[in-house]
């Protein structure tokens, strides 16, 4: 099992996301996710920082992972992180190397 951490932000006009790492354990993945969100909070001014929190984990719609987001404050955008689960031993899709013919 692998854990893929995707981070991003969105507002009413923009949506951006990027992969920030692939990890072997859930502890590493959730730790990286929390650190990423905390760094974003630390980059704000002190007054706004007091109003920001990280949400509890919530299950994403596809049920293939969990998410967290920064809430509170007067921001016009939302920072978020998603931890996706990938079973590298159960990948039987056509893109798997054993199905690629040379």
PDB file of N, CA and C in Angstrom:
ATOM      1  N   UNK A   1       0.854  -1.177   0.000  1.00  0.00           N
ATOM      2  CA  UNK A   1       0.000   0.000   0.000  1.00  0.00           C
ATOM      3  C   UNK A   1       0.893   1.232   0.000  1.00  0.00           C
ATOM      4  N   UNK A   2       0.517   2.192  -0.802  1.00  0.00           N
ATOM      5  CA  UNK A   2       1.189   3.491  -0.842  1.00  0.00           C
ATOM      6  C   UNK A   2       0.166   4.568  -0.507  1.00  0.00           C
ATOM      7  N   UNK A   3       0.649   5.711  -0.069  1.00  0.00           N
ATOM      8  CA  UNK A   3      -0.191   6.834   0.308  1.00  0.00           C
ATOM      9  C   UNK A   3       0.289   8.052  -0.473  1.00  0.00           C
ATOM     10  N   UNK A   4      -0.574   8.592  -1.306  1.00  0.00           N
ATOM     11  CA  UNK A   4      -0.240   9.721  -2.169  1.00  0.00           C
ATOM     12  C   UNK A   4      -0.847  10.981  -1.557  1.00  0.00           C
ATOM     13  N   UNK A   5      -0.022  11.985  -1.316  1.00  0.00           N
ATOM     14  CA  UNK A   5      -0.488  13.228  -0.703  1.00  0.00           C
ATOM     15  C   UNK A   5      -0.570  14.310  -1.787  1.00  0.00           C
ATOM     16  N   UNK A   6      -1.779  14.839  -1.958  1.00  0.00           N
ATOM     17  CA  UNK A   6      -2.041  15.887  -2.930  1.00  0.00           C
ATOM     18  C   UNK A   6      -2.479  17.123  -2.163  1.00  0.00           C
ATOM     19  N   UNK A   7      -1.857  18.260  -2.464  1.00  0.00           N
ATOM     20  CA  UNK A   7      -2.193  19.510  -1.783  1.00  0.00           C
ATOM     21  C   UNK A   7      -2.641  20.534  -2.812  1.00  0.00           C
ATOM     22  N   UNK A   8      -3.466  21.461  -2.370  1.00  0.00           N
ATOM     23  CA  UNK A   8      -3.911  22.500  -3.281  1.00  0.00           C
ATOM     24  C   UNK A   8      -4.707  23.577  -2.591  1.00  0.00           C
ATOM     25  N   UNK A   9      -5.301  24.425  -3.427  1.00  0.00           N
ATOM     26  CA  UNK A   9      -6.193  25.465  -2.926  1.00  0.00           C
ATOM     27  C   UNK A   9      -7.249  25.735  -3.980  1.00  0.00           C
ATOM     28  N   UNK A  10      -8.353  26.306  -3.547  1.00  0.00           N
ATOM     29  CA  UNK A  10      -9.396  26.706  -4.478  1.00  0.00           C
ATOM     30  C   UNK A  10     -10.106  27.938  -3.957  1.00  0.00           C
ATOM     31  N   UNK A  11     -10.659  28.688  -4.891  1.00  0.00           N
ATOM     32  CA  UNK A  11     -11.565  29.781  -4.568  1.00  0.00           C
ATOM     33  C   UNK A  11     -12.671  29.749  -5.615  1.00  0.00           C
ATOM     34  N   UNK A  12     -13.417  30.794  -5.739  1.00  0.00           N
ATOM     35  CA  UNK A  12     -14.550  30.752  -6.669  1.00  0.00           C
ATOM     36  C   UNK A  12     -14.113  30.688  -8.126  1.00  0.00           C
ATOM     37  N   UNK A  13     -12.885  31.108  -8.456  1.00  0.00           N
ATOM     38  CA  UNK A  13     -12.423  31.149  -9.838  1.00  0.00           C
ATOM     39  C   UNK A  13     -11.270  30.205 -10.160  1.00  0.00           C
ATOM     40  N   UNK A  14     -10.564  29.741  -9.162  1.00  0.00           N
ATOM     41  CA  UNK A  14      -9.323  29.010  -9.381  1.00  0.00           C
ATOM     42  C   UNK A  14      -9.301  27.713  -8.595  1.00  0.00           C
ATOM     43  N   UNK A  15      -8.672  26.705  -9.177  1.00  0.00           N
ATOM     44  CA  UNK A  15      -8.434  25.452  -8.480  1.00  0.00           C
ATOM     45  C   UNK A  15      -7.049  24.972  -8.884  1.00  0.00           C
ATOM     46  N   UNK A  16      -6.179  24.770  -7.915  1.00  0.00           N
ATOM     47  CA  UNK A  16      -4.822  24.314  -8.171  1.00  0.00           C
ATOM     48  C   UNK A  16      -4.515  23.169  -7.228  1.00  0.00           C
ATOM     49  N   UNK A  17      -3.839  22.128  -7.751  1.00  0.00           N
ATOM     50  CA  UNK A  17      -3.379  21.053  -6.877  1.00  0.00           C
ATOM     51  C   UNK A  17      -2.114  20.442  -7.434  1.00  0.00           C
ATOM     52  N   UNK A  18      -1.345  19.833  -6.533  1.00  0.00           N
ATOM     53  CA  UNK A  18      -0.088  19.199  -6.903  1.00  0.00           C
ATOM     54  C   UNK A  18       0.195  18.048  -5.958  1.00  0.00           C
ATOM     55  N   UNK A  19       0.908  17.062  -6.455  1.00  0.00           N
ATOM     56  CA  UNK A  19       1.337  15.950  -5.611  1.00  0.00           C
ATOM     57  C   UNK A  19       2.546  16.410  -4.811  1.00  0.00           C
ATOM     58  N   UNK A  20       2.497  16.229  -3.498  1.00  0.00           N
ATOM     59  CA  UNK A  20       3.645  16.629  -2.682  1.00  0.00           C
ATOM     60  C   UNK A  20       4.423  15.439  -2.148  1.00  0.00           C
ATOM     61  N   UNK A  21       3.960  14.215  -2.459  1.00  0.00           N
ATOM     62  CA  UNK A  21       4.747  13.053  -2.064  1.00  0.00           C
ATOM     63  C   UNK A  21       3.973  11.755  -2.096  1.00  0.00           C
ATOM     64  N   UNK A  22       4.748  10.669  -2.193  1.00  0.00           N
ATOM     65  CA  UNK A  22       4.211   9.313  -2.114  1.00  0.00           C
ATOM     66  C   UNK A  22       4.935   8.637  -0.960  1.00  0.00           C
ATOM     67  N   UNK A  23       4.180   8.048  -0.037  1.00  0.00           N
ATOM     68  CA  UNK A  23       4.754   7.536   1.202  1.00  0.00           C
ATOM     69  C   UNK A  23       4.382   6.076   1.420  1.00  0.00           C
ATOM     70  N   UNK A  24       5.215   5.373   2.154  1.00  0.00           N
ATOM     71  CA  UNK A  24       5.002   3.954   2.425  1.00  0.00           C
ATOM     72  C   UNK A  24       4.086   3.689   3.606  1.00  0.00           C
ATOM     73  N   UNK A  25       3.959   4.663   4.507  1.00  0.00           N
ATOM     74  CA  UNK A  25       3.112   4.460   5.681  1.00  0.00           C
ATOM     75  C   UNK A  25       2.114   5.612   5.816  1.00  0.00           C
ATOM     76  N   UNK A  26       0.991   5.298   6.436  1.00  0.00           N
ATOM     77  CA  UNK A  26      -0.021   6.333   6.643  1.00  0.00           C
ATOM     78  C   UNK A  26       0.490   7.409   7.606  1.00  0.00           C
ATOM     79  N   UNK A  27       1.309   7.033   8.557  1.00  0.00           N
ATOM     80  CA  UNK A  27       1.857   8.021   9.500  1.00  0.00           C
ATOM     81  C   UNK A  27       2.690   9.077   8.785  1.00  0.00           C
ATOM     82  N   UNK A  28       3.525   8.632   7.852  1.00  0.00           N
ATOM     83  CA  UNK A  28       4.327   9.582   7.077  1.00  0.00           C
ATOM     84  C   UNK A  28       3.430  10.490   6.238  1.00  0.00           C
ATOM     85  N   UNK A  29       2.435   9.897   5.594  1.00  0.00           N
ATOM     86  CA  UNK A  29       1.556  10.666   4.710  1.00  0.00           C
ATOM     87  C   UNK A  29       0.760  11.709   5.483  1.00  0.00           C
ATOM     88  N   UNK A  30       0.117  11.302   6.582  1.00  0.00           N
ATOM     89  CA  UNK A  30      -0.670  12.259   7.359  1.00  0.00           C
ATOM     90  C   UNK A  30       0.221  13.289   8.033  1.00  0.00           C
ATOM     91  N   UNK A  31       1.414  12.889   8.430  1.00  0.00           N
ATOM     92  CA  UNK A  31       2.363  13.840   8.997  1.00  0.00           C
ATOM     93  C   UNK A  31       2.754  14.904   7.993  1.00  0.00           C
ATOM     94  N   UNK A  32       3.056  14.488   6.771  1.00  0.00           N
ATOM     95  CA  UNK A  32       3.407  15.439   5.712  1.00  0.00           C
ATOM     96  C   UNK A  32       2.221  16.352   5.398  1.00  0.00           C
ATOM     97  N   UNK A  33       1.025  15.796   5.380  1.00  0.00           N
ATOM     98  CA  UNK A  33      -0.175  16.595   5.113  1.00  0.00           C
ATOM     99  C   UNK A  33      -0.360  17.681   6.180  1.00  0.00           C
ATOM    100  N   UNK A  34      -0.223  17.303   7.429  1.00  0.00           N
ATOM    101  CA  UNK A  34      -0.360  18.279   8.517  1.00  0.00           C
ATOM    102  C   UNK A  34       0.730  19.345   8.466  1.00  0.00           C
ATOM    103  N   UNK A  35       1.958  18.922   8.202  1.00  0.00           N
ATOM    104  CA  UNK A  35       3.050  19.892   8.099  1.00  0.00           C
ATOM    105  C   UNK A  35       2.806  20.882   6.965  1.00  0.00           C
ATOM    106  N   UNK A  36       2.318  20.386   5.841  1.00  0.00           N
ATOM    107  CA  UNK A  36       2.033  21.265   4.700  1.00  0.00           C
ATOM    108  C   UNK A  36       1.002  22.326   5.078  1.00  0.00           C
ATOM    109  N   UNK A  37      -0.104  21.908   5.696  1.00  0.00           N
ATOM    110  CA  UNK A  37      -1.135  22.869   6.081  1.00  0.00           C
ATOM    111  C   UNK A  37      -0.634  23.838   7.145  1.00  0.00           C
ATOM    112  N   UNK A  38       0.151  23.336   8.096  1.00  0.00           N
ATOM    113  CA  UNK A  38       0.712  24.209   9.132  1.00  0.00           C
ATOM    114  C   UNK A  38       1.650  25.255   8.548  1.00  0.00           C
ATOM    115  N   UNK A  39       2.443  24.882   7.550  1.00  0.00           N
ATOM    116  CA  UNK A  39       3.331  25.855   6.910  1.00  0.00           C
ATOM    117  C   UNK A  39       2.523  26.977   6.271  1.00  0.00           C
ATOM    118  N   UNK A  40       1.397  26.618   5.650  1.00  0.00           N
ATOM    119  CA  UNK A  40       0.536  27.640   5.062  1.00  0.00           C
ATOM    120  C   UNK A  40      -0.038  28.577   6.105  1.00  0.00           C
ATOM    121  N   UNK A  41      -0.405  28.039   7.248  1.00  0.00           N
ATOM    122  CA  UNK A  41      -0.907  28.869   8.345  1.00  0.00           C
ATOM    123  C   UNK A  41       0.200  29.758   8.883  1.00  0.00           C
ATOM    124  N   UNK A  42       1.392  29.212   9.031  1.00  0.00           N
ATOM    125  CA  UNK A  42       2.523  29.990   9.547  1.00  0.00           C
ATOM    126  C   UNK A  42       2.893  31.161   8.643  1.00  0.00           C
ATOM    127  N   UNK A  43       2.577  31.068   7.361  1.00  0.00           N
ATOM    128  CA  UNK A  43       2.911  32.129   6.415  1.00  0.00           C
ATOM    129  C   UNK A  43       1.935  33.302   6.450  1.00  0.00           C
ATOM    130  N   UNK A  44       0.911  33.236   7.300  1.00  0.00           N
ATOM    131  CA  UNK A  44      -0.054  34.333   7.394  1.00  0.00           C
ATOM    132  C   UNK A  44       0.328  35.252   8.547  1.00  0.00           C
ATOM    133  N   UNK A  45      -0.295  36.421   8.579  1.00  0.00           N
ATOM    134  CA  UNK A  45       0.010  37.336   9.678  1.00  0.00           C
ATOM    135  C   UNK A  45      -0.576  36.807  10.983  1.00  0.00           C
ATOM    136  N   UNK A  46      -0.045  37.303  12.082  1.00  0.00           N
ATOM    137  CA  UNK A  46      -0.379  36.766  13.403  1.00  0.00           C
ATOM    138  C   UNK A  46      -1.873  36.870  13.731  1.00  0.00           C
ATOM    139  N   UNK A  47      -2.505  37.948  13.346  1.00  0.00           N
ATOM    140  CA  UNK A  47      -3.926  38.135  13.651  1.00  0.00           C
ATOM    141  C   UNK A  47      -4.786  37.086  12.946  1.00  0.00           C
ATOM    142  N   UNK A  48      -4.510  36.841  11.670  1.00  0.00           N
ATOM    143  CA  UNK A  48      -5.278  35.839  10.934  1.00  0.00           C
ATOM    144  C   UNK A  48      -4.946  34.430  11.422  1.00  0.00           C
ATOM    145  N   UNK A  49      -3.693  34.197  11.756  1.00  0.00           N
ATOM    146  CA  UNK A  49      -3.252  32.882  12.225  1.00  0.00           C
ATOM    147  C   UNK A  49      -4.067  32.416  13.431  1.00  0.00           C
ATOM    148  N   UNK A  50      -4.443  33.344  14.298  1.00  0.00           N
ATOM    149  CA  UNK A  50      -5.230  33.004  15.483  1.00  0.00           C
ATOM    150  C   UNK A  50      -6.626  32.493  15.131  1.00  0.00           C
ATOM    151  N   UNK A  51      -7.112  32.831  13.938  1.00  0.00           N
ATOM    152  CA  UNK A  51      -8.461  32.461  13.533  1.00  0.00           C
ATOM    153  C   UNK A  51      -8.504  31.186  12.693  1.00  0.00           C
ATOM    154  N   UNK A  52      -7.356  30.652  12.299  1.00  0.00           N
ATOM    155  CA  UNK A  52      -7.303  29.508  11.395  1.00  0.00           C
ATOM    156  C   UNK A  52      -7.132  28.196  12.147  1.00  0.00           C
ATOM    157  N   UNK A  53      -7.805  27.172  11.674  1.00  0.00           N
ATOM    158  CA  UNK A  53      -7.652  25.830  12.225  1.00  0.00           C
ATOM    159  C   UNK A  53      -7.609  24.823  11.080  1.00  0.00           C
ATOM    160  N   UNK A  54      -7.161  23.623  11.388  1.00  0.00           N
ATOM    161  CA  UNK A  54      -7.176  22.529  10.431  1.00  0.00           C
ATOM    162  C   UNK A  54      -8.365  21.645  10.774  1.00  0.00           C
ATOM    163  N   UNK A  55      -9.165  21.347   9.772  1.00  0.00           N
ATOM    164  CA  UNK A  55     -10.375  20.547   9.993  1.00  0.00           C
ATOM    165  C   UNK A  55     -10.013  19.128  10.410  1.00  0.00           C
ATOM    166  N   UNK A  56     -10.960  18.439  11.025  1.00  0.00           N
ATOM    167  CA  UNK A  56     -10.763  17.003  11.247  1.00  0.00           C
ATOM    168  C   UNK A  56     -10.711  16.291   9.889  1.00  0.00           C
ATOM    169  N   UNK A  57     -10.201  15.073   9.886  1.00  0.00           N
ATOM    170  CA  UNK A  57     -10.189  14.275   8.654  1.00  0.00           C
ATOM    171  C   UNK A  57     -11.609  14.040   8.175  1.00  0.00           C
ATOM    172  N   UNK A  58     -11.799  14.108   6.872  1.00  0.00           N
ATOM    173  CA  UNK A  58     -13.091  13.759   6.282  1.00  0.00           C
ATOM    174  C   UNK A  58     -12.847  12.837   5.101  1.00  0.00           C
ATOM    175  N   UNK A  59     -13.763  11.902   4.905  1.00  0.00           N
ATOM    176  CA  UNK A  59     -13.635  10.959   3.802  1.00  0.00           C
ATOM    177  C   UNK A  59     -13.973  11.657   2.491  1.00  0.00           C
ATOM    178  N   UNK A  60     -13.145  11.455   1.471  1.00  0.00           N
ATOM    179  CA  UNK A  60     -13.435  12.069   0.178  1.00  0.00           C
ATOM    180  C   UNK A  60     -14.503  11.259  -0.558  1.00  0.00           C
ATOM    181  N   UNK A  61     -15.114  11.861  -1.544  1.00  0.00           N
ATOM    182  CA  UNK A  61     -16.263  11.264  -2.227  1.00  0.00           C
ATOM    183  C   UNK A  61     -15.988   9.883  -2.811  1.00  0.00           C
ATOM    184  N   UNK A  62     -14.821   9.685  -3.390  1.00  0.00           N
ATOM    185  CA  UNK A  62     -14.518   8.404  -4.024  1.00  0.00           C
ATOM    186  C   UNK A  62     -14.209   7.305  -3.012  1.00  0.00           C
ATOM    187  N   UNK A  63     -14.137   7.657  -1.750  1.00  0.00           N
ATOM    188  CA  UNK A  63     -13.833   6.736  -0.653  1.00  0.00           C
ATOM    189  C   UNK A  63     -12.475   6.064  -0.824  1.00  0.00           C
ATOM    190  N   UNK A  64     -11.556   6.757  -1.483  1.00  0.00           N
ATOM    191  CA  UNK A  64     -10.209   6.238  -1.679  1.00  0.00           C
ATOM    192  C   UNK A  64      -9.185   7.053  -0.921  1.00  0.00           C
ATOM    193  N   UNK A  65      -9.632   7.768   0.100  1.00  0.00           N
ATOM    194  CA  UNK A  65      -8.715   8.562   0.887  1.00  0.00           C
ATOM    195  C   UNK A  65      -9.446   9.511   1.809  1.00  0.00           C
ATOM    196  N   UNK A  66      -8.660  10.360   2.456  1.00  0.00           N
ATOM    197  CA  UNK A  66      -9.188  11.334   3.401  1.00  0.00           C
ATOM    198  C   UNK A  66      -8.591  12.698   3.128  1.00  0.00           C
ATOM    199  N   UNK A  67      -9.309  13.727   3.531  1.00  0.00           N
ATOM    200  CA  UNK A  67      -8.860  15.085   3.330  1.00  0.00           C
ATOM    201  C   UNK A  67      -8.891  15.889   4.602  1.00  0.00           C
ATOM    202  N   UNK A  68      -8.200  17.027   4.556  1.00  0.00           N
ATOM    203  CA  UNK A  68      -8.198  18.031   5.615  1.00  0.00           C
ATOM    204  C   UNK A  68      -8.126  19.382   4.927  1.00  0.00           C
ATOM    205  N   UNK A  69      -8.635  20.413   5.573  1.00  0.00           N
ATOM    206  CA  UNK A  69      -8.521  21.750   5.008  1.00  0.00           C
ATOM    207  C   UNK A  69      -8.382  22.781   6.114  1.00  0.00           C
ATOM    208  N   UNK A  70      -7.860  23.927   5.725  1.00  0.00           N
ATOM    209  CA  UNK A  70      -7.736  25.039   6.657  1.00  0.00           C
ATOM    210  C   UNK A  70      -9.068  25.771   6.673  1.00  0.00           C
ATOM    211  N   UNK A  71      -9.599  26.026   7.873  1.00  0.00           N
ATOM    212  CA  UNK A  71     -10.879  26.710   8.009  1.00  0.00           C
ATOM    213  C   UNK A  71     -10.711  27.950   8.875  1.00  0.00           C
ATOM    214  N   UNK A  72     -11.676  28.851   8.763  1.00  0.00           N
ATOM    215  CA  UNK A  72     -11.680  30.056   9.581  1.00  0.00           C
ATOM    216  C   UNK A  72     -10.997  31.222   8.910  1.00  0.00           C
ATOM    217  N   UNK A  73     -10.975  32.340   9.609  1.00  0.00           N
ATOM    218  CA  UNK A  73     -10.324  33.531   9.082  1.00  0.00           C
ATOM    219  C   UNK A  73     -11.133  34.182   7.970  1.00  0.00           C
ATOM    220  N   UNK A  74     -10.585  35.210   7.402  1.00  0.00           N
ATOM    221  CA  UNK A  74     -11.268  35.954   6.344  1.00  0.00           C
ATOM    222  C   UNK A  74     -10.724  35.648   4.964  1.00  0.00           C
ATOM    223  N   UNK A  75     -10.178  34.472   4.769  1.00  0.00           N
ATOM    224  CA  UNK A  75      -9.587  34.112   3.488  1.00  0.00           C
ATOM    225  C   UNK A  75     -10.636  34.022   2.386  1.00  0.00           C
ATOM    226  N   UNK A  76     -10.197  34.292   1.163  1.00  0.00           N
ATOM    227  CA  UNK A  76     -11.069  34.123   0.000  1.00  0.00           C
ATOM    228  C   UNK A  76     -10.785  32.797  -0.707  1.00  0.00           C
ATOM    229  N   UNK A  77      -9.860  32.027  -0.189  1.00  0.00           N
ATOM    230  CA  UNK A  77      -9.505  30.739  -0.774  1.00  0.00           C
ATOM    231  C   UNK A  77      -9.402  29.695   0.333  1.00  0.00           C
ATOM    232  N   UNK A  78      -9.378  28.422  -0.048  1.00  0.00           N
ATOM    233  CA  UNK A  78      -9.273  27.323   0.908  1.00  0.00           C
ATOM    234  C   UNK A  78      -8.075  26.455   0.558  1.00  0.00           C
ATOM    235  N   UNK A  79      -7.165  26.275   1.501  1.00  0.00           N
ATOM    236  CA  UNK A  79      -6.060  25.326   1.361  1.00  0.00           C
ATOM    237  C   UNK A  79      -6.549  23.956   1.793  1.00  0.00           C
ATOM    238  N   UNK A  80      -6.131  22.913   1.081  1.00  0.00           N
ATOM    239  CA  UNK A  80      -6.541  21.564   1.450  1.00  0.00           C
ATOM    240  C   UNK A  80      -5.447  20.560   1.121  1.00  0.00           C
ATOM    241  N   UNK A  81      -5.561  19.399   1.736  1.00  0.00           N
ATOM    242  CA  UNK A  81      -4.674  18.275   1.466  1.00  0.00           C
ATOM    243  C   UNK A  81      -5.531  17.018   1.416  1.00  0.00           C
ATOM    244  N   UNK A  82      -5.228  16.145   0.457  1.00  0.00           N
ATOM    245  CA  UNK A  82      -5.906  14.864   0.340  1.00  0.00           C
ATOM    246  C   UNK A  82      -4.863  13.757   0.404  1.00  0.00           C
ATOM    247  N   UNK A  83      -5.139  12.735   1.196  1.00  0.00           N
ATOM    248  CA  UNK A  83      -4.281  11.544   1.262  1.00  0.00           C
ATOM    249  C   UNK A  83      -5.038  10.422   0.562  1.00  0.00           C
ATOM    250  N   UNK A  84      -4.496   9.988  -0.573  1.00  0.00           N
ATOM    251  CA  UNK A  84      -5.119   8.935  -1.374  1.00  0.00           C
ATOM    252  C   UNK A  84      -4.428   7.608  -1.103  1.00  0.00           C
ATOM    253  N   UNK A  85      -5.186   6.525  -1.162  1.00  0.00           N
ATOM    254  CA  UNK A  85      -4.641   5.188  -0.940  1.00  0.00           C
ATOM    255  C   UNK A  85      -4.418   4.520  -2.288  1.00  0.00           C
ATOM    256  N   UNK A  86      -3.262   3.891  -2.445  1.00  0.00           N
ATOM    257  CA  UNK A  86      -2.938   3.197  -3.686  1.00  0.00           C
ATOM    258  C   UNK A  86      -2.363   1.832  -3.338  1.00  0.00           C
ATOM    259  N   UNK A  87      -3.042   0.780  -3.755  1.00  0.00           N
ATOM    260  CA  UNK A  87      -2.564  -0.571  -3.490  1.00  0.00           C
ATOM    261  C   UNK A  87      -1.706  -1.006  -4.663  1.00  0.00           C
ATOM    262  N   UNK A  88      -0.394  -0.862  -4.541  1.00  0.00           N
ATOM    263  CA  UNK A  88       0.509  -1.170  -5.643  1.00  0.00           C
ATOM    264  C   UNK A  88       0.607  -2.664  -5.914  1.00  0.00           C
ATOM    265  N   UNK A  89       0.133  -3.510  -5.029  1.00  0.00           N
ATOM    266  CA  UNK A  89       0.129  -4.957  -5.263  1.00  0.00           C
ATOM    267  C   UNK A  89      -1.125  -5.419  -5.992  1.00  0.00           C
ATOM    268  N   UNK A  90      -2.131  -4.560  -6.089  1.00  0.00           N
ATOM    269  CA  UNK A  90      -3.400  -4.938  -6.686  1.00  0.00           C
ATOM    270  C   UNK A  90      -3.684  -4.161  -7.965  1.00  0.00           C
ATOM    271  N   UNK A  91      -2.669  -3.567  -8.570  1.00  0.00           N
ATOM    272  CA  UNK A  91      -2.845  -2.775  -9.781  1.00  0.00           C
ATOM    273  C   UNK A  91      -2.863  -3.699 -10.990  1.00  0.00           C
ATOM    274  N   UNK A  92      -4.016  -3.858 -11.599  1.00  0.00           N
ATOM    275  CA  UNK A  92      -4.125  -4.730 -12.769  1.00  0.00           C
ATOM    276  C   UNK A  92      -4.583  -3.950 -13.994  1.00  0.00           C
ATOM    277  N   UNK A  93      -4.482  -2.637 -13.940  1.00  0.00           N
ATOM    278  CA  UNK A  93      -4.887  -1.819 -15.082  1.00  0.00           C
ATOM    279  C   UNK A  93      -3.912  -2.011 -16.241  1.00  0.00           C
ATOM    280  N   UNK A  94      -4.334  -1.630 -17.428  1.00  0.00           N
ATOM    281  CA  UNK A  94      -3.519  -1.826 -18.622  1.00  0.00           C
ATOM    282  C   UNK A  94      -2.214  -1.045 -18.621  1.00  0.00           C
ATOM    283  N   UNK A  95      -2.097  -0.026 -17.794  1.00  0.00           N
ATOM    284  CA  UNK A  95      -0.866   0.744 -17.751  1.00  0.00           C
ATOM    285  C   UNK A  95       0.207   0.075 -16.885  1.00  0.00           C
ATOM    286  N   UNK A  96      -0.135  -1.011 -16.232  1.00  0.00           N
ATOM    287  CA  UNK A  96       0.836  -1.729 -15.408  1.00  0.00           C
ATOM    288  C   UNK A  96       1.939  -2.291 -16.311  1.00  0.00           C
ATOM    289  N   UNK A  97       3.214  -2.203 -15.891  1.00  0.00           N
ATOM    290  CA  UNK A  97       4.329  -2.652 -16.742  1.00  0.00           C
ATOM    291  C   UNK A  97       4.184  -4.069 -17.300  1.00  0.00           C
ATOM    292  N   UNK A  98       3.571  -4.990 -16.578  1.00  0.00           N
ATOM    293  CA  UNK A  98       3.488  -6.354 -17.081  1.00  0.00           C
ATOM    294  C   UNK A  98       2.530  -6.473 -18.269  1.00  0.00           C
ATOM    295  N   UNK A  99       1.699  -5.422 -18.503  1.00  0.00           N
ATOM    296  CA  UNK A  99       0.784  -5.432 -19.642  1.00  0.00           C
ATOM    297  C   UNK A  99       1.303  -4.655 -20.837  1.00  0.00           C
ATOM    298  N   UNK A 100       2.393  -3.941 -20.667  1.00  0.00           N
ATOM    299  CA  UNK A 100       2.944  -3.140 -21.754  1.00  0.00           C
ATOM    300  C   UNK A 100       3.812  -4.032 -22.623  1.00  0.00           C
ATOM    301  N   UNK A 101       3.533  -4.030 -23.912  1.00  0.00           N
ATOM    302  CA  UNK A 101       4.312  -4.844 -24.847  1.00  0.00           C
ATOM    303  C   UNK A 101       5.311  -3.983 -25.575  1.00  0.00           C
ATOM    304  N   UNK A 102       6.527  -4.458 -25.692  1.00  0.00           N
ATOM    305  CA  UNK A 102       7.577  -3.665 -26.335  1.00  0.00           C
ATOM    306  C   UNK A 102       7.741  -3.971 -27.795  1.00  0.00           C
TER     307      UNK A 102
END
